[in-house]
Protein backbone atom coordinates (compact mmCIF):
# COMPACT_ATOMS: atom_id res chain seq x y z
CA MET A 1 19.31 -8.00 -3.87
CA THR A 2 22.72 -6.51 -3.32
CA THR A 3 25.04 -7.29 -0.46
CA THR A 4 24.99 -4.98 2.51
CA GLY A 5 28.28 -3.42 3.54
CA ALA A 6 30.06 -4.13 6.78
CA PRO A 7 28.33 -3.24 10.04
CA GLY A 8 28.32 0.47 10.62
CA THR A 9 28.62 1.34 6.92
CA THR A 10 26.02 2.17 4.31
CA GLY A 11 25.86 -0.44 1.57
CA PRO A 12 24.47 -0.20 -1.95
CA THR A 13 20.83 0.68 -2.36
CA GLY A 14 19.97 -2.20 -4.69
CA PRO A 15 18.87 -2.52 -8.30
CA THR A 16 15.44 -0.99 -7.88
CA VAL A 17 16.75 2.16 -6.24
CA GLY A 18 19.55 2.32 -8.79
CA ALA A 19 16.93 2.38 -11.54
CA THR A 20 15.23 5.19 -9.64
CA ALA A 21 18.19 7.49 -10.12
CA SER A 22 18.25 6.78 -13.83
CA ALA A 23 14.50 7.19 -14.13
CA THR A 24 14.56 10.50 -12.32
CA GLY A 25 17.23 11.82 -14.63
CA THR A 26 15.72 10.80 -17.97
CA GLY A 27 12.09 9.90 -17.38
CA THR A 28 12.28 6.99 -19.83
CA ALA A 29 12.99 4.20 -17.32
CA ALA A 30 10.11 5.28 -15.08
CA ASP A 31 7.76 5.45 -18.05
CA ALA A 32 8.46 1.76 -18.76
CA LEU A 33 7.35 0.68 -15.27
CA GLN A 34 3.73 -0.21 -14.58
CA ARG A 35 3.91 1.28 -11.11
CA PRO A 36 7.15 3.03 -10.10
CA PRO A 37 7.78 3.34 -6.34
CA ALA A 38 6.68 6.52 -4.58
CA GLU A 39 10.18 8.00 -4.59
CA VAL A 40 10.15 7.79 -8.41
CA ARG A 41 6.55 8.90 -8.98
CA HIS A 42 7.02 11.95 -6.78
CA ALA A 43 10.75 12.57 -7.22
CA ASP A 44 10.29 16.26 -8.09
CA GLU A 45 8.21 16.93 -4.99
CA LEU A 46 10.66 15.14 -2.72
CA ALA A 47 13.55 17.13 -4.22
CA ALA A 48 11.68 20.39 -3.72
CA LEU A 49 10.85 19.53 -0.12
CA ARG A 50 14.47 18.61 0.64
CA ALA A 51 15.71 21.87 -0.86
CA ASP A 52 13.27 23.95 1.18
CA ASP A 53 13.42 21.92 4.39
CA SER A 54 14.80 23.96 7.28
CA GLY A 55 13.05 22.09 10.08
CA PRO A 56 14.77 19.82 12.60
CA ARG A 57 15.16 16.27 11.34
CA PRO A 58 15.07 13.14 13.49
CA PRO A 59 18.42 11.30 13.26
CA GLY A 60 18.74 9.38 10.00
CA TRP A 61 15.73 11.01 8.33
CA GLU A 62 15.87 12.53 4.84
CA LEU A 63 13.16 15.09 5.67
CA SER A 64 11.97 16.83 8.78
CA LEU A 65 8.77 15.59 10.32
CA ARG A 66 6.91 18.66 9.06
CA ALA A 67 8.17 18.19 5.50
CA ALA A 68 7.34 14.48 5.55
CA ARG A 69 3.81 15.34 6.64
CA ARG A 70 3.48 17.86 3.79
CA PHE A 71 4.62 15.20 1.33
CA VAL A 72 1.89 12.78 2.41
CA VAL A 73 -1.09 15.07 3.06
CA GLY A 74 -0.17 17.70 0.46
CA ASP A 75 0.47 21.44 0.42
CA GLU A 76 -1.44 23.14 -2.37
CA GLY A 77 0.35 26.44 -1.95
CA ALA A 78 3.75 24.78 -2.43
CA GLY A 79 2.63 22.56 -5.32
CA ILE A 80 2.73 19.36 -3.24
CA SER A 81 -0.09 17.01 -4.20
CA ARG A 82 -2.31 15.25 -1.71
CA LYS A 83 -1.45 11.57 -1.85
CA PHE A 84 -3.30 10.07 1.12
CA VAL A 85 -6.97 10.77 1.69
CA GLY A 86 -7.40 10.43 5.42
CA ASN A 87 -7.07 12.20 8.74
CA PRO A 88 -3.85 14.28 8.81
CA SER A 89 -3.54 13.58 12.53
CA LEU A 90 -3.12 9.88 11.69
CA VAL A 91 -0.14 10.79 9.50
CA GLU A 92 1.32 12.96 12.27
CA ARG A 93 1.02 10.20 14.84
CA ALA A 94 2.57 7.70 12.44
CA LEU A 95 5.58 9.94 11.82
CA VAL A 96 6.03 10.64 15.53
CA THR A 97 6.01 6.89 16.20
CA LEU A 98 8.74 6.28 13.62
CA ALA A 99 10.89 8.97 15.25
CA THR A 100 10.87 6.88 18.44
CA ASN A 101 12.14 3.36 19.07
CA ARG A 102 8.73 1.76 18.50
CA GLY A 103 7.52 0.24 15.25
CA LEU A 104 4.36 1.42 13.48
CA MET A 105 1.47 -0.97 12.89
CA LEU A 106 -1.23 0.15 10.43
CA VAL A 107 -4.44 -1.87 10.76
CA GLY A 108 -7.80 -1.62 9.06
CA GLU A 109 -10.17 -3.12 6.54
CA PRO A 110 -8.70 -4.29 3.22
CA GLY A 111 -8.43 -1.55 0.62
CA THR A 112 -8.08 1.40 3.01
CA ALA A 113 -4.66 2.43 1.62
CA LYS A 114 -2.53 1.07 4.46
CA SER A 115 0.15 -0.09 2.03
CA LEU A 116 0.07 3.21 0.16
CA LEU A 117 0.48 5.14 3.40
CA SER A 118 3.42 2.98 4.48
CA GLU A 119 5.02 3.45 1.05
CA LEU A 120 4.64 7.22 1.12
CA ILE A 121 6.01 7.51 4.65
CA ALA A 122 8.99 5.27 3.87
CA ALA A 123 9.79 7.33 0.76
CA ALA A 124 9.64 10.58 2.74
CA VAL A 125 11.64 9.34 5.73
CA SER A 126 14.22 7.11 4.04
CA GLY A 127 14.19 8.15 0.40
CA THR A 128 13.25 4.61 -0.61
CA SER A 129 10.16 2.46 -0.11
CA THR A 130 11.47 -0.73 -1.68
CA LEU A 131 12.79 -2.50 1.43
CA THR A 132 9.64 -4.58 1.74
CA VAL A 133 8.69 -7.98 3.14
CA GLN A 134 5.44 -9.45 1.80
CA GLY A 135 3.98 -11.58 4.56
CA GLY A 136 2.25 -14.87 3.88
CA ALA A 137 1.93 -18.46 5.02
CA ALA A 138 5.13 -19.37 3.15
CA THR A 139 7.23 -16.46 4.44
CA THR A 140 10.39 -17.68 6.15
CA GLU A 141 12.85 -16.06 8.52
CA ASP A 142 15.60 -15.87 5.90
CA GLN A 143 13.29 -13.82 3.65
CA ILE A 144 13.12 -11.29 6.45
CA LYS A 145 16.72 -11.26 7.74
CA TYR A 146 19.29 -12.80 5.42
CA GLY A 147 20.16 -15.79 3.24
CA TRP A 148 23.24 -17.17 1.53
CA ASN A 149 24.78 -17.41 -1.90
CA TYR A 150 25.18 -21.18 -1.71
CA ALA A 151 27.84 -21.40 -4.43
CA LEU A 152 30.06 -19.02 -2.47
CA LEU A 153 29.06 -20.63 0.82
CA VAL A 154 30.26 -24.04 -0.37
CA ALA A 155 33.42 -22.62 -1.93
CA GLU A 156 34.48 -20.21 0.82
CA GLY A 157 32.37 -20.96 3.86
CA PRO A 158 30.28 -18.35 5.72
CA SER A 159 31.53 -14.84 4.98
CA ARG A 160 30.30 -11.36 4.27
CA ARG A 161 30.78 -12.08 0.59
CA SER A 162 28.47 -15.09 0.64
CA LEU A 163 25.83 -13.32 2.74
CA VAL A 164 22.68 -12.19 0.91
CA PRO A 165 20.86 -9.53 2.95
CA ALA A 166 17.09 -9.54 3.16
CA PRO A 167 15.18 -6.26 3.73
CA MET A 168 15.49 -6.25 7.52
CA LEU A 169 19.27 -6.61 7.56
CA GLN A 170 19.67 -4.07 4.78
CA GLY A 171 17.38 -1.58 6.51
CA MET A 172 19.28 -1.90 9.79
CA ALA A 173 22.70 -1.55 8.13
CA GLU A 174 21.63 1.49 6.09
CA GLY A 175 19.34 3.17 8.65
CA ARG A 176 16.16 2.95 6.58
CA ILE A 177 12.48 2.16 7.03
CA VAL A 178 11.48 -1.45 6.34
CA ARG A 179 7.90 -2.21 5.32
CA PHE A 180 6.34 -5.51 6.45
CA GLU A 181 3.09 -6.10 4.57
CA GLU A 182 0.38 -8.42 5.93
CA ILE A 183 2.41 -9.40 8.97
CA THR A 184 -0.43 -11.41 10.51
CA ARG A 185 -0.42 -13.73 7.49
CA CYS A 186 2.98 -15.02 8.65
CA PRO A 187 3.46 -17.97 11.04
CA LEU A 188 3.89 -16.94 14.66
CA GLU A 189 7.52 -18.06 14.85
CA VAL A 190 8.35 -15.86 11.86
CA GLN A 191 6.58 -12.88 13.43
CA ASP A 192 8.47 -13.34 16.68
CA SER A 193 11.81 -13.25 14.86
CA LEU A 194 11.29 -9.46 14.93
CA LEU A 195 11.32 -9.26 18.72
CA SER A 196 15.05 -8.73 19.23
CA LEU A 197 15.34 -6.53 16.14
CA LEU A 198 12.74 -4.12 17.50
CA SER A 199 13.95 -4.13 21.09
CA GLU A 200 17.76 -4.48 21.06
CA ARG A 201 18.11 -3.05 17.53
CA VAL A 202 20.68 -5.69 16.65
CA LEU A 203 20.65 -8.65 14.26
CA ALA A 204 22.93 -11.56 15.11
CA ILE A 205 24.40 -13.74 12.35
CA PRO A 206 25.57 -16.87 14.22
CA GLU A 207 27.39 -18.27 11.18
CA LEU A 208 29.88 -15.36 11.21
CA ASP A 209 32.55 -14.69 13.82
CA GLY A 210 33.31 -11.53 15.77
CA ALA A 211 32.14 -8.15 14.59
CA ASP A 212 30.94 -9.58 11.28
CA GLY A 213 28.34 -11.57 13.17
CA MET A 214 26.56 -8.55 14.62
CA VAL A 215 24.67 -5.91 12.62
CA PHE A 216 23.65 -2.92 14.73
CA ALA A 217 20.87 -0.72 13.46
CA ARG A 218 21.89 2.71 12.24
CA LYS A 219 19.83 5.76 13.13
CA GLY A 220 16.78 6.03 10.89
CA PHE A 221 15.93 2.31 10.98
CA ASN A 222 12.41 1.35 11.92
CA VAL A 223 9.57 -0.92 10.79
CA ILE A 224 6.12 -0.14 9.35
CA ALA A 225 3.88 -3.20 9.42
CA THR A 226 0.36 -3.59 8.04
CA ALA A 227 -2.44 -5.99 8.94
CA ASN A 228 -6.02 -6.44 7.78
CA THR A 229 -8.71 -6.64 10.43
CA ARG A 230 -10.33 -9.44 8.43
CA ASP A 231 -7.24 -11.55 9.12
CA ARG A 232 -7.64 -11.20 12.88
CA GLY A 233 -7.28 -14.58 14.49
CA VAL A 234 -5.43 -16.16 11.55
CA ASN A 235 -2.02 -15.74 13.18
CA GLU A 236 -2.65 -13.51 16.16
CA MET A 237 0.41 -11.50 17.13
CA SER A 238 1.99 -12.31 20.46
CA ALA A 239 1.63 -9.82 23.31
CA ALA A 240 5.40 -9.35 23.29
CA LEU A 241 5.41 -8.31 19.63
CA LYS A 242 2.38 -6.05 20.03
CA ARG A 243 4.20 -4.14 22.76
CA ARG A 244 6.91 -3.19 20.28
CA PHE A 245 4.45 -1.45 17.96
CA ASN A 246 2.18 1.56 18.17
CA PHE A 247 -1.13 0.66 16.48
CA GLU A 248 -2.96 3.07 14.19
CA THR A 249 -6.27 2.25 12.48
CA VAL A 250 -6.80 3.41 8.90
CA PHE A 251 -10.52 3.95 8.30
CA PRO A 252 -12.45 3.95 4.99
CA VAL A 253 -13.04 7.26 3.21
CA PRO A 254 -15.81 8.93 5.24
CA ASP A 255 -17.95 10.78 2.66
CA LEU A 256 -19.19 10.24 -0.89
CA ASP A 257 -17.70 13.37 -2.47
CA THR A 258 -14.20 12.62 -1.19
CA GLU A 259 -14.35 8.99 -2.27
CA LEU A 260 -15.78 9.94 -5.65
CA ALA A 261 -12.96 12.42 -6.28
CA LEU A 262 -10.38 9.84 -5.21
CA VAL A 263 -11.79 7.11 -7.47
CA GLU A 264 -11.98 9.54 -10.40
CA ALA A 265 -8.35 10.62 -9.98
CA GLU A 266 -6.92 7.13 -9.44
CA ALA A 267 -8.98 5.48 -12.16
CA GLY A 268 -8.14 8.29 -14.58
CA GLU A 269 -4.42 7.75 -14.03
CA LEU A 270 -4.75 3.98 -14.45
CA LEU A 271 -6.72 4.45 -17.65
CA ARG A 272 -4.05 6.74 -19.09
CA GLN A 273 -1.45 4.09 -18.32
CA SER A 274 -3.64 1.53 -20.11
CA GLY A 275 -3.80 3.62 -23.27
CA VAL A 276 -7.36 4.87 -22.74
CA THR A 277 -7.66 8.50 -23.83
CA ALA A 278 -11.30 8.97 -22.79
CA ALA A 279 -11.82 10.30 -19.26
CA PRO A 280 -14.24 8.40 -17.00
CA ASP A 281 -17.87 9.52 -17.19
CA PRO A 282 -18.61 11.38 -13.88
CA GLU A 283 -22.20 10.11 -13.79
CA VAL A 284 -21.07 6.50 -14.26
CA LEU A 285 -18.50 6.94 -11.49
CA GLU A 286 -21.14 8.35 -9.15
CA VAL A 287 -23.33 5.30 -9.77
CA LEU A 288 -20.37 3.00 -9.16
CA VAL A 289 -19.10 4.67 -5.97
CA THR A 290 -22.61 5.05 -4.51
CA THR A 291 -23.26 1.34 -5.10
CA PHE A 292 -19.97 0.42 -3.44
CA ARG A 293 -20.67 2.59 -0.41
CA GLU A 294 -24.16 1.18 0.05
CA LEU A 295 -23.03 -2.44 -0.21
CA ARG A 296 -20.09 -1.73 2.12
CA SER A 297 -22.15 -0.01 4.81
CA GLY A 298 -25.34 -2.09 4.49
CA ARG A 299 -27.44 1.06 4.13
CA THR A 300 -28.65 3.17 1.20
CA ARG A 301 -28.18 6.92 1.08
CA GLU A 302 -31.89 7.20 1.90
CA GLY A 303 -31.34 5.19 5.09
CA ASP A 304 -32.82 1.84 4.03
CA GLY A 305 -31.10 -1.42 4.94
CA VAL A 306 -29.09 -3.35 2.31
CA GLU A 307 -27.78 -6.91 2.37
CA ARG A 308 -24.02 -6.64 2.75
CA PRO A 309 -21.91 -9.04 0.66
CA SER A 310 -19.11 -10.94 2.35
CA ALA A 311 -16.65 -9.62 -0.27
CA VAL A 312 -14.59 -6.52 0.47
CA MET A 313 -16.21 -3.45 -1.14
CA SER A 314 -13.32 -1.08 -0.52
CA THR A 315 -12.28 2.12 -2.24
CA ALA A 316 -9.38 0.23 -3.81
CA GLU A 317 -11.84 -2.26 -5.32
CA ALA A 318 -13.96 0.64 -6.59
CA VAL A 319 -10.89 2.06 -8.36
CA SER A 320 -10.22 -1.34 -9.93
CA VAL A 321 -13.81 -1.62 -11.19
CA ALA A 322 -13.73 1.95 -12.55
CA HIS A 323 -10.50 1.09 -14.36
CA ALA A 324 -12.07 -2.06 -15.84
CA VAL A 325 -15.20 -0.14 -16.88
CA GLY A 326 -13.10 2.39 -18.78
CA VAL A 327 -10.98 -0.29 -20.45
CA ARG A 328 -14.07 -2.29 -21.42
CA GLY A 329 -15.85 0.70 -22.90
CA TRP A 330 -12.84 2.08 -24.77
CA PHE A 331 -11.37 -1.04 -26.29
CA LEU A 332 -14.69 -2.71 -27.11
CA ARG A 333 -16.76 0.28 -28.25
CA GLY A 334 -14.52 3.36 -28.33
CA GLU A 335 -16.35 5.13 -25.47
CA PRO A 336 -15.64 5.87 -21.79
CA GLY A 337 -17.78 3.04 -20.37
CA SER A 338 -21.36 2.87 -19.16
CA ALA A 339 -23.40 1.75 -16.17
CA ALA A 340 -23.96 -1.56 -17.96
CA ASP A 341 -20.18 -2.06 -17.87
CA VAL A 342 -20.32 -1.39 -14.13
CA VAL A 343 -22.66 -4.37 -13.67
CA ALA A 344 -20.47 -6.63 -15.81
CA CYS A 345 -17.31 -5.65 -13.93
CA LEU A 346 -18.96 -5.77 -10.49
CA ALA A 347 -19.71 -9.47 -10.86
CA GLY A 348 -16.07 -10.50 -10.54
CA THR A 349 -15.56 -8.19 -7.57
CA VAL A 350 -18.58 -9.27 -5.53
CA ALA A 351 -18.55 -13.02 -6.23
CA LYS A 352 -15.27 -13.87 -4.47
CA ASP A 353 -16.21 -15.44 -1.18
CA SER A 354 -19.74 -16.74 -1.71
CA PRO A 355 -22.05 -17.39 -4.70
CA GLU A 356 -24.82 -15.86 -2.60
CA ASP A 357 -23.11 -12.48 -2.92
CA LEU A 358 -24.17 -12.26 -6.56
CA ALA A 359 -27.76 -12.85 -5.50
CA ARG A 360 -27.41 -10.07 -2.91
CA LEU A 361 -26.09 -7.72 -5.57
CA ARG A 362 -28.94 -8.59 -7.94
CA ARG A 363 -31.53 -7.98 -5.21
CA HIS A 364 -29.94 -4.59 -4.56
CA LEU A 365 -30.18 -3.70 -8.24
CA GLU A 366 -33.78 -4.89 -8.46
CA GLN A 367 -35.09 -3.42 -5.22
CA ARG A 368 -33.14 -0.21 -4.60
CA VAL A 369 -31.88 1.07 -7.95
CA PRO A 370 -35.35 1.55 -9.61
CA ARG A 371 -36.05 4.30 -7.08
CA ARG A 372 -33.18 6.41 -8.43
CA ARG A 373 -33.60 8.97 -11.18
CA GLY A 374 -31.18 9.44 -14.04
CA PRO A 375 -30.21 7.62 -17.23
CA GLN A 376 -27.20 5.87 -15.71
CA TRP A 377 -29.24 4.49 -12.81
CA GLN A 378 -31.78 3.21 -15.33
CA ALA A 379 -28.95 1.64 -17.37
CA LEU A 380 -27.62 0.01 -14.21
CA TYR A 381 -31.05 -1.50 -13.53
CA ASP A 382 -31.53 -2.63 -17.14
CA ALA A 383 -28.16 -4.43 -17.12
CA ARG A 384 -28.91 -6.58 -14.05
CA HIS A 385 -29.33 -9.63 -16.32
CA LEU A 386 -25.54 -9.56 -16.94
CA LEU A 387 -25.12 -11.05 -13.46
CA ASP A 388 -26.69 -14.29 -14.71
CA GLY A 389 -23.55 -15.24 -16.59
């Protein structure tokens, strides 16, 4: 990570963002990345929105609030793709929050696209989504704020030259959005290191003297944090930290058709990146997504009860299974993938938390699937033996 400039100045944007500029100009650097950041993937749309953006912009923002909303939820008439499948009012509330002095906390079940939403918003507001802290049990305060180049520290003592900025310091100095993923996975003392940053908007560096020891946040700085509801109680946030965030819940995709279209689009893109030229079979995808929805909700589409596995059966997991089904079918047999591949790939998704989950899945295939009509449902039922190992 590059060194942030002096307080009150905008420092370099770092190696990842530097590669973005090159990738946008030639296309070759981006093509070599497995998953470029949002500002690279959608560089043309962001450029078009900036060129056509006449709305009022909050201080420090790259786009107006209306243009940022269009970037996330899409505008078919203007050629802006829909990138987040969810309630547009959630996106509006999130953007309004970031235009204030409160942080944004996105909570919800795993796999509901909280990280994607935070990435898209950061790209629209700040032009970069790469100032990110990945929370975990081993996350330390210096990974959030700053560290030191120890060779320079020993040779010269504490100085701006020996300072190595972490995402929070860089975001404050440059006036950008910082993303904090899985914040509740961090120890409480690490979480609470954000208190003064979010309230006073200043980061103190005790090792430096005078003005060098204080970094004041430029306009445009704010924090988007995410947390999974399944992690509730692991490291419960303090009341003081909660008060500095507005909480928004990201819910699963509400209906089958929307989720099916989303899985088809996302899996299709992943398959193209994997060298698979065959498009996913729509009937196989319908079997897959319907099975996921039933196991997730604990109820079939006919209204009968289903044993719910303890594993997360999210839309993101459905995309991963659809991707694996396509890869398995193409590279093993030269075809798009079948319902039998769905069973084989489901095993590793369901059997994560408890061996009993595989038994629940098998009972679902044996008891519910035979009632369905269609060759792919029959193939799903016939392949249930693949769960035995």
